[in-house]
Amino acid sequence: MADTQQVDPKAERKAARLAQQISSFSKAHGGAEGQVAYLGERGARIVLVGEDGNWGDLVAPSFEIAEKAVEKSGVTRHESFDGEFAAKVKTGRYEWSRMAGIQVGGPKNG
């Protein structure tokens, strides 16, 4: 008897939509790589870094949907956001002002 897994059509559609967004980001930025981070009950965050250093993220309702979306999109998936992968990110004034920039020497807010 074959092992049949129940396929949730709603989850499949969500993964396909996320994969399309990931593919669009990749195309707009000369390619991309990603990492999936568990967010608890909220789901999972897909962090994308383009070959040009631009980055963005998407939130999926579950870790499984996030993994499936990254797989469908064809971008390289990293297990962690560190090393050479993290070094590809280019940050500017906006990021410094939004991400603890005050504490670590970024521009002052206000």
PDB file of N, CA and C in Angstrom:
ATOM      1  N   MET A   1       0.837  -1.176   0.000  1.00  0.00           N
ATOM      2  CA  MET A   1       0.000   0.000   0.000  1.00  0.00           C
ATOM      3  C   MET A   1       0.884   1.242   0.000  1.00  0.00           C
ATOM      4  N   ALA A   2       0.652   2.158  -0.884  1.00  0.00           N
ATOM      5  CA  ALA A   2       1.475   3.365  -1.031  1.00  0.00           C
ATOM      6  C   ALA A   2       1.174   4.351   0.096  1.00  0.00           C
ATOM      7  N   ASP A   3       2.222   5.041   0.524  1.00  0.00           N
ATOM      8  CA  ASP A   3       2.077   6.070   1.543  1.00  0.00           C
ATOM      9  C   ASP A   3       1.548   7.335   0.874  1.00  0.00           C
ATOM     10  N   THR A   4       0.326   7.696   1.190  1.00  0.00           N
ATOM     11  CA  THR A   4      -0.263   8.891   0.590  1.00  0.00           C
ATOM     12  C   THR A   4      -0.330   9.995   1.625  1.00  0.00           C
ATOM     13  N   GLN A   5       0.261  11.122   1.269  1.00  0.00           N
ATOM     14  CA  GLN A   5       0.246  12.276   2.152  1.00  0.00           C
ATOM     15  C   GLN A   5      -0.896  13.170   1.744  1.00  0.00           C
ATOM     16  N   GLN A   6      -1.595  13.682   2.725  1.00  0.00           N
ATOM     17  CA  GLN A   6      -2.680  14.610   2.472  1.00  0.00           C
ATOM     18  C   GLN A   6      -2.092  15.934   2.012  1.00  0.00           C
ATOM     19  N   VAL A   7      -2.534  16.456   0.886  1.00  0.00           N
ATOM     20  CA  VAL A   7      -2.050  17.726   0.371  1.00  0.00           C
ATOM     21  C   VAL A   7      -3.100  18.787   0.663  1.00  0.00           C
ATOM     22  N   ASP A   8      -2.675  19.838   1.345  1.00  0.00           N
ATOM     23  CA  ASP A   8      -3.565  20.948   1.671  1.00  0.00           C
ATOM     24  C   ASP A   8      -3.522  21.944   0.514  1.00  0.00           C
ATOM     25  N   PRO A   9      -4.614  22.057  -0.257  1.00  0.00           N
ATOM     26  CA  PRO A   9      -4.599  22.941  -1.423  1.00  0.00           C
ATOM     27  C   PRO A   9      -4.313  24.405  -1.060  1.00  0.00           C
ATOM     28  N   LYS A  10      -4.805  24.851   0.074  1.00  0.00           N
ATOM     29  CA  LYS A  10      -4.559  26.234   0.501  1.00  0.00           C
ATOM     30  C   LYS A  10      -3.068  26.458   0.769  1.00  0.00           C
ATOM     31  N   ALA A  11      -2.421  25.498   1.431  1.00  0.00           N
ATOM     32  CA  ALA A  11      -0.990  25.596   1.716  1.00  0.00           C
ATOM     33  C   ALA A  11      -0.191  25.549   0.417  1.00  0.00           C
ATOM     34  N   GLU A  12      -0.619  24.713  -0.522  1.00  0.00           N
ATOM     35  CA  GLU A  12       0.061  24.626  -1.819  1.00  0.00           C
ATOM     36  C   GLU A  12      -0.029  25.958  -2.572  1.00  0.00           C
ATOM     37  N   ARG A  13      -1.193  26.582  -2.543  1.00  0.00           N
ATOM     38  CA  ARG A  13      -1.367  27.875  -3.220  1.00  0.00           C
ATOM     39  C   ARG A  13      -0.505  28.945  -2.563  1.00  0.00           C
ATOM     40  N   LYS A  14      -0.462  28.949  -1.230  1.00  0.00           N
ATOM     41  CA  LYS A  14       0.355  29.936  -0.517  1.00  0.00           C
ATOM     42  C   LYS A  14       1.830  29.741  -0.849  1.00  0.00           C
ATOM     43  N   ALA A  15       2.299  28.501  -0.855  1.00  0.00           N
ATOM     44  CA  ALA A  15       3.700  28.214  -1.200  1.00  0.00           C
ATOM     45  C   ALA A  15       3.996  28.663  -2.625  1.00  0.00           C
ATOM     46  N   ALA A  16       3.058  28.435  -3.551  1.00  0.00           N
ATOM     47  CA  ALA A  16       3.256  28.835  -4.950  1.00  0.00           C
ATOM     48  C   ALA A  16       3.327  30.363  -5.063  1.00  0.00           C
ATOM     49  N   ARG A  17       2.475  31.083  -4.322  1.00  0.00           N
ATOM     50  CA  ARG A  17       2.509  32.554  -4.353  1.00  0.00           C
ATOM     51  C   ARG A  17       3.819  33.080  -3.786  1.00  0.00           C
ATOM     52  N   LEU A  18       4.259  32.512  -2.673  1.00  0.00           N
ATOM     53  CA  LEU A  18       5.533  32.927  -2.080  1.00  0.00           C
ATOM     54  C   LEU A  18       6.697  32.619  -3.022  1.00  0.00           C
ATOM     55  N   ALA A  19       6.656  31.458  -3.667  1.00  0.00           N
ATOM     56  CA  ALA A  19       7.719  31.086  -4.605  1.00  0.00           C
ATOM     57  C   ALA A  19       7.785  32.082  -5.758  1.00  0.00           C
ATOM     58  N   GLN A  20       6.620  32.556  -6.216  1.00  0.00           N
ATOM     59  CA  GLN A  20       6.585  33.537  -7.302  1.00  0.00           C
ATOM     60  C   GLN A  20       7.209  34.858  -6.829  1.00  0.00           C
ATOM     61  N   GLN A  21       6.916  35.274  -5.592  1.00  0.00           N
ATOM     62  CA  GLN A  21       7.496  36.495  -5.042  1.00  0.00           C
ATOM     63  C   GLN A  21       9.016  36.357  -4.893  1.00  0.00           C
ATOM     64  N   ILE A  22       9.450  35.199  -4.430  1.00  0.00           N
ATOM     65  CA  ILE A  22      10.890  34.941  -4.281  1.00  0.00           C
ATOM     66  C   ILE A  22      11.564  34.994  -5.647  1.00  0.00           C
ATOM     67  N   SER A  23      10.960  34.353  -6.648  1.00  0.00           N
ATOM     68  CA  SER A  23      11.516  34.348  -7.995  1.00  0.00           C
ATOM     69  C   SER A  23      11.591  35.761  -8.570  1.00  0.00           C
ATOM     70  N   SER A  24      10.568  36.570  -8.323  1.00  0.00           N
ATOM     71  CA  SER A  24      10.556  37.957  -8.802  1.00  0.00           C
ATOM     72  C   SER A  24      11.676  38.759  -8.154  1.00  0.00           C
ATOM     73  N   PHE A  25      11.872  38.568  -6.841  1.00  0.00           N
ATOM     74  CA  PHE A  25      12.956  39.251  -6.140  1.00  0.00           C
ATOM     75  C   PHE A  25      14.294  38.833  -6.736  1.00  0.00           C
ATOM     76  N   SER A  26      14.457  37.545  -6.944  1.00  0.00           N
ATOM     77  CA  SER A  26      15.706  37.021  -7.494  1.00  0.00           C
ATOM     78  C   SER A  26      15.991  37.615  -8.875  1.00  0.00           C
ATOM     79  N   LYS A  27      14.965  37.661  -9.718  1.00  0.00           N
ATOM     80  CA  LYS A  27      15.130  38.201 -11.062  1.00  0.00           C
ATOM     81  C   LYS A  27      15.497  39.685 -11.008  1.00  0.00           C
ATOM     82  N   ALA A  28      14.887  40.438 -10.097  1.00  0.00           N
ATOM     83  CA  ALA A  28      15.127  41.879  -9.994  1.00  0.00           C
ATOM     84  C   ALA A  28      16.508  42.210  -9.429  1.00  0.00           C
ATOM     85  N   HIS A  29      17.142  41.246  -8.748  1.00  0.00           N
ATOM     86  CA  HIS A  29      18.405  41.530  -8.064  1.00  0.00           C
ATOM     87  C   HIS A  29      19.563  40.653  -8.537  1.00  0.00           C
ATOM     88  N   GLY A  30      19.459  40.156  -9.769  1.00  0.00           N
ATOM     89  CA  GLY A  30      20.562  39.404 -10.356  1.00  0.00           C
ATOM     90  C   GLY A  30      20.795  38.041  -9.732  1.00  0.00           C
ATOM     91  N   GLY A  31      19.764  37.469  -9.154  1.00  0.00           N
ATOM     92  CA  GLY A  31      19.855  36.198  -8.431  1.00  0.00           C
ATOM     93  C   GLY A  31      19.671  36.452  -6.947  1.00  0.00           C
ATOM     94  N   ALA A  32      19.430  35.403  -6.206  1.00  0.00           N
ATOM     95  CA  ALA A  32      19.221  35.556  -4.766  1.00  0.00           C
ATOM     96  C   ALA A  32      19.495  34.251  -4.043  1.00  0.00           C
ATOM     97  N   GLU A  33      19.710  34.391  -2.752  1.00  0.00           N
ATOM     98  CA  GLU A  33      19.854  33.256  -1.849  1.00  0.00           C
ATOM     99  C   GLU A  33      18.935  33.525  -0.670  1.00  0.00           C
ATOM    100  N   GLY A  34      18.565  32.489   0.063  1.00  0.00           N
ATOM    101  CA  GLY A  34      17.632  32.677   1.157  1.00  0.00           C
ATOM    102  C   GLY A  34      17.927  31.829   2.374  1.00  0.00           C
ATOM    103  N   GLN A  35      17.230  32.167   3.436  1.00  0.00           N
ATOM    104  CA  GLN A  35      17.316  31.424   4.694  1.00  0.00           C
ATOM    105  C   GLN A  35      15.936  31.459   5.328  1.00  0.00           C
ATOM    106  N   VAL A  36      15.517  30.347   5.917  1.00  0.00           N
ATOM    107  CA  VAL A  36      14.210  30.256   6.565  1.00  0.00           C
ATOM    108  C   VAL A  36      14.429  30.209   8.068  1.00  0.00           C
ATOM    109  N   ALA A  37      13.740  31.103   8.782  1.00  0.00           N
ATOM    110  CA  ALA A  37      13.849  31.171  10.248  1.00  0.00           C
ATOM    111  C   ALA A  37      12.478  30.952  10.877  1.00  0.00           C
ATOM    112  N   TYR A  38      12.418  30.077  11.846  1.00  0.00           N
ATOM    113  CA  TYR A  38      11.184  29.760  12.560  1.00  0.00           C
ATOM    114  C   TYR A  38      10.768  30.943  13.428  1.00  0.00           C
ATOM    115  N   LEU A  39       9.501  31.352  13.338  1.00  0.00           N
ATOM    116  CA  LEU A  39       8.982  32.473  14.131  1.00  0.00           C
ATOM    117  C   LEU A  39       8.001  32.035  15.209  1.00  0.00           C
ATOM    118  N   GLY A  40       7.931  30.757  15.501  1.00  0.00           N
ATOM    119  CA  GLY A  40       6.970  30.277  16.485  1.00  0.00           C
ATOM    120  C   GLY A  40       5.597  30.127  15.844  1.00  0.00           C
ATOM    121  N   GLU A  41       4.555  30.450  16.596  1.00  0.00           N
ATOM    122  CA  GLU A  41       3.192  30.285  16.101  1.00  0.00           C
ATOM    123  C   GLU A  41       2.895  31.147  14.880  1.00  0.00           C
ATOM    124  N   ARG A  42       3.632  32.240  14.707  1.00  0.00           N
ATOM    125  CA  ARG A  42       3.420  33.127  13.550  1.00  0.00           C
ATOM    126  C   ARG A  42       3.819  32.487  12.241  1.00  0.00           C
ATOM    127  N   GLY A  43       4.701  31.510  12.268  1.00  0.00           N
ATOM    128  CA  GLY A  43       5.130  30.862  11.038  1.00  0.00           C
ATOM    129  C   GLY A  43       6.626  30.900  10.877  1.00  0.00           C
ATOM    130  N   ALA A  44       7.075  31.363   9.701  1.00  0.00           N
ATOM    131  CA  ALA A  44       8.500  31.384   9.394  1.00  0.00           C
ATOM    132  C   ALA A  44       8.817  32.587   8.514  1.00  0.00           C
ATOM    133  N   ARG A  45       9.999  33.134   8.707  1.00  0.00           N
ATOM    134  CA  ARG A  45      10.475  34.260   7.902  1.00  0.00           C
ATOM    135  C   ARG A  45      11.448  33.736   6.864  1.00  0.00           C
ATOM    136  N   ILE A  46      11.240  34.174   5.625  1.00  0.00           N
ATOM    137  CA  ILE A  46      12.153  33.853   4.529  1.00  0.00           C
ATOM    138  C   ILE A  46      12.964  35.120   4.273  1.00  0.00           C
ATOM    139  N   VAL A  47      14.245  35.075   4.591  1.00  0.00           N
ATOM    140  CA  VAL A  47      15.124  36.222   4.352  1.00  0.00           C
ATOM    141  C   VAL A  47      15.824  35.988   3.026  1.00  0.00           C
ATOM    142  N   LEU A  48      15.760  36.989   2.151  1.00  0.00           N
ATOM    143  CA  LEU A  48      16.362  36.892   0.825  1.00  0.00           C
ATOM    144  C   LEU A  48      17.459  37.934   0.675  1.00  0.00           C
ATOM    145  N   VAL A  49      18.556  37.536   0.067  1.00  0.00           N
ATOM    146  CA  VAL A  49      19.647  38.461  -0.232  1.00  0.00           C
ATOM    147  C   VAL A  49      19.953  38.335  -1.715  1.00  0.00           C
ATOM    148  N   GLY A  50      19.821  39.462  -2.424  1.00  0.00           N
ATOM    149  CA  GLY A  50      20.099  39.479  -3.851  1.00  0.00           C
ATOM    150  C   GLY A  50      21.588  39.538  -4.122  1.00  0.00           C
ATOM    151  N   GLU A  51      21.973  39.173  -5.319  1.00  0.00           N
ATOM    152  CA  GLU A  51      23.380  39.238  -5.713  1.00  0.00           C
ATOM    153  C   GLU A  51      23.911  40.666  -5.681  1.00  0.00           C
ATOM    154  N   ASP A  52      23.010  41.649  -5.767  1.00  0.00           N
ATOM    155  CA  ASP A  52      23.416  43.050  -5.717  1.00  0.00           C
ATOM    156  C   ASP A  52      23.502  43.594  -4.285  1.00  0.00           C
ATOM    157  N   GLY A  53      23.241  42.731  -3.289  1.00  0.00           N
ATOM    158  CA  GLY A  53      23.337  43.132  -1.887  1.00  0.00           C
ATOM    159  C   GLY A  53      22.029  43.606  -1.282  1.00  0.00           C
ATOM    160  N   ASN A  54      21.005  43.845  -2.104  1.00  0.00           N
ATOM    161  CA  ASN A  54      19.702  44.222  -1.562  1.00  0.00           C
ATOM    162  C   ASN A  54      19.081  43.010  -0.892  1.00  0.00           C
ATOM    163  N   TRP A  55      18.276  43.281   0.114  1.00  0.00           N
ATOM    164  CA  TRP A  55      17.668  42.174   0.840  1.00  0.00           C
ATOM    165  C   TRP A  55      16.219  42.489   1.156  1.00  0.00           C
ATOM    166  N   GLY A  56      15.498  41.460   1.499  1.00  0.00           N
ATOM    167  CA  GLY A  56      14.103  41.594   1.877  1.00  0.00           C
ATOM    168  C   GLY A  56      13.664  40.325   2.567  1.00  0.00           C
ATOM    169  N   ASP A  57      12.441  40.348   3.062  1.00  0.00           N
ATOM    170  CA  ASP A  57      11.936  39.144   3.699  1.00  0.00           C
ATOM    171  C   ASP A  57      10.451  38.983   3.459  1.00  0.00           C
ATOM    172  N   LEU A  58      10.001  37.757   3.622  1.00  0.00           N
ATOM    173  CA  LEU A  58       8.601  37.391   3.505  1.00  0.00           C
ATOM    174  C   LEU A  58       8.263  36.536   4.717  1.00  0.00           C
ATOM    175  N   VAL A  59       7.004  36.537   5.118  1.00  0.00           N
ATOM    176  CA  VAL A  59       6.580  35.679   6.220  1.00  0.00           C
ATOM    177  C   VAL A  59       5.585  34.655   5.682  1.00  0.00           C
ATOM    178  N   ALA A  60       5.853  33.404   5.993  1.00  0.00           N
ATOM    179  CA  ALA A  60       4.980  32.301   5.609  1.00  0.00           C
ATOM    180  C   ALA A  60       4.219  31.825   6.847  1.00  0.00           C
ATOM    181  N   PRO A  61       3.019  31.289   6.673  1.00  0.00           N
ATOM    182  CA  PRO A  61       2.235  30.844   7.835  1.00  0.00           C
ATOM    183  C   PRO A  61       2.805  29.630   8.565  1.00  0.00           C
ATOM    184  N   SER A  62       3.735  28.909   7.933  1.00  0.00           N
ATOM    185  CA  SER A  62       4.371  27.768   8.596  1.00  0.00           C
ATOM    186  C   SER A  62       5.771  27.566   8.033  1.00  0.00           C
ATOM    187  N   PHE A  63       6.603  26.875   8.815  1.00  0.00           N
ATOM    188  CA  PHE A  63       7.963  26.570   8.376  1.00  0.00           C
ATOM    189  C   PHE A  63       7.925  25.684   7.130  1.00  0.00           C
ATOM    190  N   GLU A  64       6.990  24.741   7.099  1.00  0.00           N
ATOM    191  CA  GLU A  64       6.888  23.816   5.972  1.00  0.00           C
ATOM    192  C   GLU A  64       6.537  24.554   4.682  1.00  0.00           C
ATOM    193  N   ILE A  65       5.614  25.507   4.758  1.00  0.00           N
ATOM    194  CA  ILE A  65       5.241  26.284   3.572  1.00  0.00           C
ATOM    195  C   ILE A  65       6.426  27.129   3.120  1.00  0.00           C
ATOM    196  N   ALA A  66       7.154  27.719   4.061  1.00  0.00           N
ATOM    197  CA  ALA A  66       8.334  28.517   3.714  1.00  0.00           C
ATOM    198  C   ALA A  66       9.373  27.655   2.998  1.00  0.00           C
ATOM    199  N   GLU A  67       9.652  26.474   3.527  1.00  0.00           N
ATOM    200  CA  GLU A  67      10.617  25.574   2.896  1.00  0.00           C
ATOM    201  C   GLU A  67      10.193  25.202   1.484  1.00  0.00           C
ATOM    202  N   LYS A  68       8.906  24.879   1.331  1.00  0.00           N
ATOM    203  CA  LYS A  68       8.384  24.490   0.029  1.00  0.00           C
ATOM    204  C   LYS A  68       8.496  25.651  -0.964  1.00  0.00           C
ATOM    205  N   ALA A  69       8.203  26.879  -0.510  1.00  0.00           N
ATOM    206  CA  ALA A  69       8.276  28.051  -1.385  1.00  0.00           C
ATOM    207  C   ALA A  69       9.703  28.288  -1.865  1.00  0.00           C
ATOM    208  N   VAL A  70      10.665  28.194  -0.950  1.00  0.00           N
ATOM    209  CA  VAL A  70      12.066  28.388  -1.330  1.00  0.00           C
ATOM    210  C   VAL A  70      12.493  27.304  -2.314  1.00  0.00           C
ATOM    211  N   GLU A  71      12.085  26.071  -2.051  1.00  0.00           N
ATOM    212  CA  GLU A  71      12.425  24.968  -2.954  1.00  0.00           C
ATOM    213  C   GLU A  71      11.832  25.198  -4.342  1.00  0.00           C
ATOM    214  N   LYS A  72      10.557  25.592  -4.406  1.00  0.00           N
ATOM    215  CA  LYS A  72       9.893  25.833  -5.693  1.00  0.00           C
ATOM    216  C   LYS A  72      10.545  26.978  -6.465  1.00  0.00           C
ATOM    217  N   SER A  73      11.041  27.983  -5.743  1.00  0.00           N
ATOM    218  CA  SER A  73      11.621  29.156  -6.404  1.00  0.00           C
ATOM    219  C   SER A  73      12.983  28.853  -7.022  1.00  0.00           C
ATOM    220  N   GLY A  74      13.667  27.853  -6.489  1.00  0.00           N
ATOM    221  CA  GLY A  74      14.964  27.464  -7.027  1.00  0.00           C
ATOM    222  C   GLY A  74      16.148  28.248  -6.471  1.00  0.00           C
ATOM    223  N   VAL A  75      15.932  29.148  -5.498  1.00  0.00           N
ATOM    224  CA  VAL A  75      17.073  29.873  -4.935  1.00  0.00           C
ATOM    225  C   VAL A  75      17.818  28.976  -3.947  1.00  0.00           C
ATOM    226  N   THR A  76      19.090  29.262  -3.754  1.00  0.00           N
ATOM    227  CA  THR A  76      19.898  28.516  -2.795  1.00  0.00           C
ATOM    228  C   THR A  76      19.420  28.822  -1.390  1.00  0.00           C
ATOM    229  N   ARG A  77      19.231  27.792  -0.584  1.00  0.00           N
ATOM    230  CA  ARG A  77      18.789  27.970   0.795  1.00  0.00           C
ATOM    231  C   ARG A  77      19.942  27.692   1.750  1.00  0.00           C
ATOM    232  N   HIS A  78      20.161  28.636   2.663  1.00  0.00           N
ATOM    233  CA  HIS A  78      21.184  28.484   3.690  1.00  0.00           C
ATOM    234  C   HIS A  78      20.511  28.064   4.996  1.00  0.00           C
ATOM    235  N   GLU A  79      21.233  27.300   5.799  1.00  0.00           N
ATOM    236  CA  GLU A  79      20.702  26.862   7.090  1.00  0.00           C
ATOM    237  C   GLU A  79      20.742  27.971   8.139  1.00  0.00           C
ATOM    238  N   SER A  80      21.692  28.899   7.996  1.00  0.00           N
ATOM    239  CA  SER A  80      21.793  29.994   8.968  1.00  0.00           C
ATOM    240  C   SER A  80      22.167  31.280   8.239  1.00  0.00           C
ATOM    241  N   PHE A  81      21.939  32.385   8.920  1.00  0.00           N
ATOM    242  CA  PHE A  81      22.220  33.693   8.336  1.00  0.00           C
ATOM    243  C   PHE A  81      23.546  34.192   8.902  1.00  0.00           C
ATOM    244  N   ASP A  82      24.637  33.655   8.366  1.00  0.00           N
ATOM    245  CA  ASP A  82      25.961  34.038   8.849  1.00  0.00           C
ATOM    246  C   ASP A  82      26.992  33.855   7.743  1.00  0.00           C
ATOM    247  N   GLY A  83      28.235  34.146   8.058  1.00  0.00           N
ATOM    248  CA  GLY A  83      29.338  33.924   7.136  1.00  0.00           C
ATOM    249  C   GLY A  83      29.213  34.705   5.847  1.00  0.00           C
ATOM    250  N   GLU A  84      29.609  34.069   4.749  1.00  0.00           N
ATOM    251  CA  GLU A  84      29.607  34.706   3.434  1.00  0.00           C
ATOM    252  C   GLU A  84      28.209  35.158   3.026  1.00  0.00           C
ATOM    253  N   PHE A  85      27.199  34.389   3.410  1.00  0.00           N
ATOM    254  CA  PHE A  85      25.824  34.750   3.063  1.00  0.00           C
ATOM    255  C   PHE A  85      25.441  36.090   3.700  1.00  0.00           C
ATOM    256  N   ALA A  86      25.662  36.233   4.979  1.00  0.00           N
ATOM    257  CA  ALA A  86      25.329  37.483   5.674  1.00  0.00           C
ATOM    258  C   ALA A  86      26.181  38.643   5.179  1.00  0.00           C
ATOM    259  N   ALA A  87      27.415  38.352   4.799  1.00  0.00           N
ATOM    260  CA  ALA A  87      28.327  39.402   4.329  1.00  0.00           C
ATOM    261  C   ALA A  87      27.882  40.008   2.998  1.00  0.00           C
ATOM    262  N   LYS A  88      26.993  39.338   2.266  1.00  0.00           N
ATOM    263  CA  LYS A  88      26.502  39.862   0.994  1.00  0.00           C
ATOM    264  C   LYS A  88      25.528  41.026   1.170  1.00  0.00           C
ATOM    265  N   VAL A  89      24.953  41.164   2.359  1.00  0.00           N
ATOM    266  CA  VAL A  89      23.955  42.200   2.607  1.00  0.00           C
ATOM    267  C   VAL A  89      24.603  43.580   2.624  1.00  0.00           C
ATOM    268  N   LYS A  90      24.037  44.490   1.857  1.00  0.00           N
ATOM    269  CA  LYS A  90      24.480  45.881   1.870  1.00  0.00           C
ATOM    270  C   LYS A  90      23.455  46.671   2.671  1.00  0.00           C
ATOM    271  N   THR A  91      23.929  47.398   3.675  1.00  0.00           N
ATOM    272  CA  THR A  91      23.031  48.230   4.461  1.00  0.00           C
ATOM    273  C   THR A  91      23.340  49.692   4.227  1.00  0.00           C
ATOM    274  N   GLY A  92      22.344  50.497   4.411  1.00  0.00           N
ATOM    275  CA  GLY A  92      22.494  51.937   4.229  1.00  0.00           C
ATOM    276  C   GLY A  92      21.952  52.683   5.432  1.00  0.00           C
ATOM    277  N   ARG A  93      21.779  53.954   5.267  1.00  0.00           N
ATOM    278  CA  ARG A  93      21.305  54.831   6.343  1.00  0.00           C
ATOM    279  C   ARG A  93      19.966  54.347   6.914  1.00  0.00           C
ATOM    280  N   TYR A  94      19.073  53.941   6.044  1.00  0.00           N
ATOM    281  CA  TYR A  94      17.759  53.484   6.506  1.00  0.00           C
ATOM    282  C   TYR A  94      17.887  52.316   7.485  1.00  0.00           C
ATOM    283  N   GLU A  95      18.671  51.311   7.116  1.00  0.00           N
ATOM    284  CA  GLU A  95      18.818  50.147   7.989  1.00  0.00           C
ATOM    285  C   GLU A  95      19.435  50.529   9.323  1.00  0.00           C
ATOM    286  N   TRP A  96      20.455  51.379   9.294  1.00  0.00           N
ATOM    287  CA  TRP A  96      21.086  51.792  10.538  1.00  0.00           C
ATOM    288  C   TRP A  96      20.088  52.527  11.427  1.00  0.00           C
ATOM    289  N   SER A  97      19.241  53.329  10.828  1.00  0.00           N
ATOM    290  CA  SER A  97      18.292  54.091  11.637  1.00  0.00           C
ATOM    291  C   SER A  97      17.163  53.213  12.163  1.00  0.00           C
ATOM    292  N   ARG A  98      16.892  52.089  11.519  1.00  0.00           N
ATOM    293  CA  ARG A  98      15.799  51.205  11.924  1.00  0.00           C
ATOM    294  C   ARG A  98      16.250  50.046  12.816  1.00  0.00           C
ATOM    295  N   MET A  99      17.511  49.639  12.747  1.00  0.00           N
ATOM    296  CA  MET A  99      17.961  48.444  13.465  1.00  0.00           C
ATOM    297  C   MET A  99      19.015  48.782  14.503  1.00  0.00           C
ATOM    298  N   ALA A 100      18.599  49.281  15.630  1.00  0.00           N
ATOM    299  CA  ALA A 100      19.502  49.539  16.757  1.00  0.00           C
ATOM    300  C   ALA A 100      20.658  50.454  16.395  1.00  0.00           C
ATOM    301  N   GLY A 101      20.508  51.267  15.379  1.00  0.00           N
ATOM    302  CA  GLY A 101      21.575  52.164  14.953  1.00  0.00           C
ATOM    303  C   GLY A 101      21.994  53.141  16.028  1.00  0.00           C
ATOM    304  N   ILE A 102      21.061  53.548  16.849  1.00  0.00           N
ATOM    305  CA  ILE A 102      21.385  54.507  17.914  1.00  0.00           C
ATOM    306  C   ILE A 102      22.408  53.918  18.873  1.00  0.00           C
ATOM    307  N   GLN A 103      22.252  52.644  19.211  1.00  0.00           N
ATOM    308  CA  GLN A 103      23.130  52.006  20.170  1.00  0.00           C
ATOM    309  C   GLN A 103      24.517  51.704  19.612  1.00  0.00           C
ATOM    310  N   VAL A 104      24.640  51.501  18.323  1.00  0.00           N
ATOM    311  CA  VAL A 104      25.926  51.064  17.772  1.00  0.00           C
ATOM    312  C   VAL A 104      26.553  52.089  16.825  1.00  0.00           C
ATOM    313  N   GLY A 105      26.159  53.325  16.949  1.00  0.00           N
ATOM    314  CA  GLY A 105      26.849  54.377  16.196  1.00  0.00           C
ATOM    315  C   GLY A 105      26.242  54.781  14.884  1.00  0.00           C
ATOM    316  N   GLY A 106      25.046  54.338  14.580  1.00  0.00           N
ATOM    317  CA  GLY A 106      24.391  54.760  13.341  1.00  0.00           C
ATOM    318  C   GLY A 106      23.831  56.158  13.480  1.00  0.00           C
ATOM    319  N   PRO A 107      23.216  56.673  12.423  1.00  0.00           N
ATOM    320  CA  PRO A 107      22.662  58.023  12.486  1.00  0.00           C
ATOM    321  C   PRO A 107      21.561  58.119  13.538  1.00  0.00           C
ATOM    322  N   LYS A 108      21.424  59.267  14.126  1.00  0.00           N
ATOM    323  CA  LYS A 108      20.402  59.472  15.162  1.00  0.00           C
ATOM    324  C   LYS A 108      19.015  59.568  14.517  1.00  0.00           C
ATOM    325  N   ASN A 109      18.023  59.019  15.172  1.00  0.00           N
ATOM    326  CA  ASN A 109      16.639  59.156  14.710  1.00  0.00           C
ATOM    327  C   ASN A 109      16.119  60.492  15.202  1.00  0.00           C
ATOM    328  N   GLY A 110      15.614  61.286  14.281  1.00  0.00           N
ATOM    329  CA  GLY A 110      14.981  62.539  14.680  1.00  0.00           C
ATOM    330  C   GLY A 110      15.823  63.659  14.525  1.00  0.00           C
TER     331      GLY A 110
END
